[in-house]
Amino acid sequence: MSRVRLTLEIVKRDDDVSGFVVLPRRWVVERTLSWISQRRRCVRDYERLSEHHEAMVLWALIIPMGRRLASGSPEPT
């Protein structure tokens, strides 16, 4: 089993501010959740085991990443 050392920073919204305020790095989280939600099996709780759902989320993120990597490659001749 591999271990990853992460530092989680929670950005909280000020209670004094009213209206829309852009929070730092929030777009990264929203973009990733959008990528995951595009896959039907990740939207609903179809899987019986959490390991299966984790695998579906990984596949949902591998697909756009593979497309991004493929688009940067030169055209075959």
C-alpha atoms as a PDB file:
ATOM      1  CA  MET A   1       0.000   0.000   0.000  1.00  0.00           C
ATOM      2  CA  SER A   2       1.398   3.383  -0.954  1.00  0.00           C
ATOM      3  CA  ARG A   3       1.084   6.373   1.293  1.00  0.00           C
ATOM      4  CA  VAL A   4       0.730   9.964   0.205  1.00  0.00           C
ATOM      5  CA  ARG A   5       1.516  12.895   2.428  1.00  0.00           C
ATOM      6  CA  LEU A   6      -1.022  15.668   1.780  1.00  0.00           C
ATOM      7  CA  THR A   7      -1.678  19.010   3.345  1.00  0.00           C
ATOM      8  CA  LEU A   8      -5.326  19.988   3.192  1.00  0.00           C
ATOM      9  CA  GLU A   9      -6.165  23.673   3.311  1.00  0.00           C
ATOM     10  CA  ILE A  10      -9.825  24.553   3.817  1.00  0.00           C
ATOM     11  CA  VAL A  11     -10.699  27.963   2.422  1.00  0.00           C
ATOM     12  CA  LYS A  12     -13.645  29.396   4.303  1.00  0.00           C
ATOM     13  CA  ARG A  13     -15.878  32.182   3.154  1.00  0.00           C
ATOM     14  CA  ASP A  14     -16.104  35.299   5.341  1.00  0.00           C
ATOM     15  CA  ASP A  15     -19.453  35.766   7.021  1.00  0.00           C
ATOM     16  CA  ASP A  16     -19.180  39.560   6.563  1.00  0.00           C
ATOM     17  CA  VAL A  17     -19.173  39.389   2.747  1.00  0.00           C
ATOM     18  CA  SER A  18     -22.447  39.297   0.850  1.00  0.00           C
ATOM     19  CA  GLY A  19     -22.818  38.232  -2.774  1.00  0.00           C
ATOM     20  CA  PHE A  20     -20.444  36.302  -4.998  1.00  0.00           C
ATOM     21  CA  VAL A  21     -16.759  36.197  -4.064  1.00  0.00           C
ATOM     22  CA  VAL A  22     -14.162  34.135  -5.918  1.00  0.00           C
ATOM     23  CA  LEU A  23     -12.365  31.786  -3.541  1.00  0.00           C
ATOM     24  CA  PRO A  24      -8.785  30.791  -4.387  1.00  0.00           C
ATOM     25  CA  ARG A  25      -8.331  27.474  -6.261  1.00  0.00           C
ATOM     26  CA  ARG A  26     -12.052  26.702  -6.014  1.00  0.00           C
ATOM     27  CA  TRP A  27     -12.234  26.322  -9.807  1.00  0.00           C
ATOM     28  CA  VAL A  28      -9.891  23.316  -9.659  1.00  0.00           C
ATOM     29  CA  VAL A  29     -12.265  21.445  -7.376  1.00  0.00           C
ATOM     30  CA  GLU A  30     -15.330  22.430  -9.422  1.00  0.00           C
ATOM     31  CA  ARG A  31     -13.652  21.355 -12.686  1.00  0.00           C
ATOM     32  CA  THR A  32     -12.658  17.976 -11.253  1.00  0.00           C
ATOM     33  CA  LEU A  33     -16.141  17.329  -9.875  1.00  0.00           C
ATOM     34  CA  SER A  34     -17.566  18.223 -13.282  1.00  0.00           C
ATOM     35  CA  TRP A  35     -15.268  15.683 -14.986  1.00  0.00           C
ATOM     36  CA  ILE A  36     -16.363  12.986 -12.536  1.00  0.00           C
ATOM     37  CA  SER A  37     -20.066  13.852 -12.918  1.00  0.00           C
ATOM     38  CA  GLN A  38     -19.925  13.398 -16.698  1.00  0.00           C
ATOM     39  CA  ARG A  39     -19.711   9.633 -16.192  1.00  0.00           C
ATOM     40  CA  ARG A  40     -23.057   7.950 -15.512  1.00  0.00           C
ATOM     41  CA  ARG A  41     -21.715   5.389 -13.030  1.00  0.00           C
ATOM     42  CA  CYS A  42     -20.186   8.116 -10.871  1.00  0.00           C
ATOM     43  CA  VAL A  43     -23.377  10.166 -10.543  1.00  0.00           C
ATOM     44  CA  ARG A  44     -25.435   7.549  -8.718  1.00  0.00           C
ATOM     45  CA  ASP A  45     -24.461   5.035  -6.065  1.00  0.00           C
ATOM     46  CA  TYR A  46     -24.486   1.944  -8.298  1.00  0.00           C
ATOM     47  CA  GLU A  47     -21.510   0.178  -6.738  1.00  0.00           C
ATOM     48  CA  ARG A  48     -21.819  -2.121  -3.733  1.00  0.00           C
ATOM     49  CA  LEU A  49     -18.225  -1.702  -2.586  1.00  0.00           C
ATOM     50  CA  SER A  50     -16.399   1.581  -2.098  1.00  0.00           C
ATOM     51  CA  GLU A  51     -13.383   0.122  -3.937  1.00  0.00           C
ATOM     52  CA  HIS A  52     -15.537  -0.287  -7.044  1.00  0.00           C
ATOM     53  CA  HIS A  53     -16.718   3.319  -6.850  1.00  0.00           C
ATOM     54  CA  GLU A  54     -13.130   4.464  -6.380  1.00  0.00           C
ATOM     55  CA  ALA A  55     -12.161   2.571  -9.544  1.00  0.00           C
ATOM     56  CA  MET A  56     -14.984   4.271 -11.489  1.00  0.00           C
ATOM     57  CA  VAL A  57     -13.818   7.697 -10.293  1.00  0.00           C
ATOM     58  CA  LEU A  58     -10.271   6.876 -11.391  1.00  0.00           C
ATOM     59  CA  TRP A  59     -11.542   5.851 -14.835  1.00  0.00           C
ATOM     60  CA  ALA A  60     -13.590   9.046 -15.023  1.00  0.00           C
ATOM     61  CA  LEU A  61     -10.410  11.066 -14.435  1.00  0.00           C
ATOM     62  CA  ILE A  62      -8.184   8.938 -16.686  1.00  0.00           C
ATOM     63  CA  ILE A  63     -10.384   9.580 -19.739  1.00  0.00           C
ATOM     64  CA  PRO A  64      -9.975  13.399 -19.908  1.00  0.00           C
ATOM     65  CA  MET A  65      -6.314  13.161 -18.897  1.00  0.00           C
ATOM     66  CA  GLY A  66      -5.651  10.680 -21.709  1.00  0.00           C
ATOM     67  CA  ARG A  67      -7.362  13.009 -24.176  1.00  0.00           C
ATOM     68  CA  ARG A  68      -5.255  15.943 -22.986  1.00  0.00           C
ATOM     69  CA  LEU A  69      -2.069  13.926 -23.379  1.00  0.00           C
ATOM     70  CA  ALA A  70      -3.111  12.623 -26.796  1.00  0.00           C
ATOM     71  CA  SER A  71      -3.943  16.081 -28.139  1.00  0.00           C
ATOM     72  CA  GLY A  72      -0.406  17.293 -27.424  1.00  0.00           C
ATOM     73  CA  SER A  73       1.209  14.482 -29.411  1.00  0.00           C
ATOM     74  CA  PRO A  74       2.323  15.033 -33.022  1.00  0.00           C
ATOM     75  CA  GLU A  75       0.102  13.783 -35.846  1.00  0.00           C
ATOM     76  CA  PRO A  76       1.141  10.386 -37.238  1.00  0.00           C
ATOM     77  CA  THR A  77       2.282  10.431 -40.861  1.00  0.00           C
END
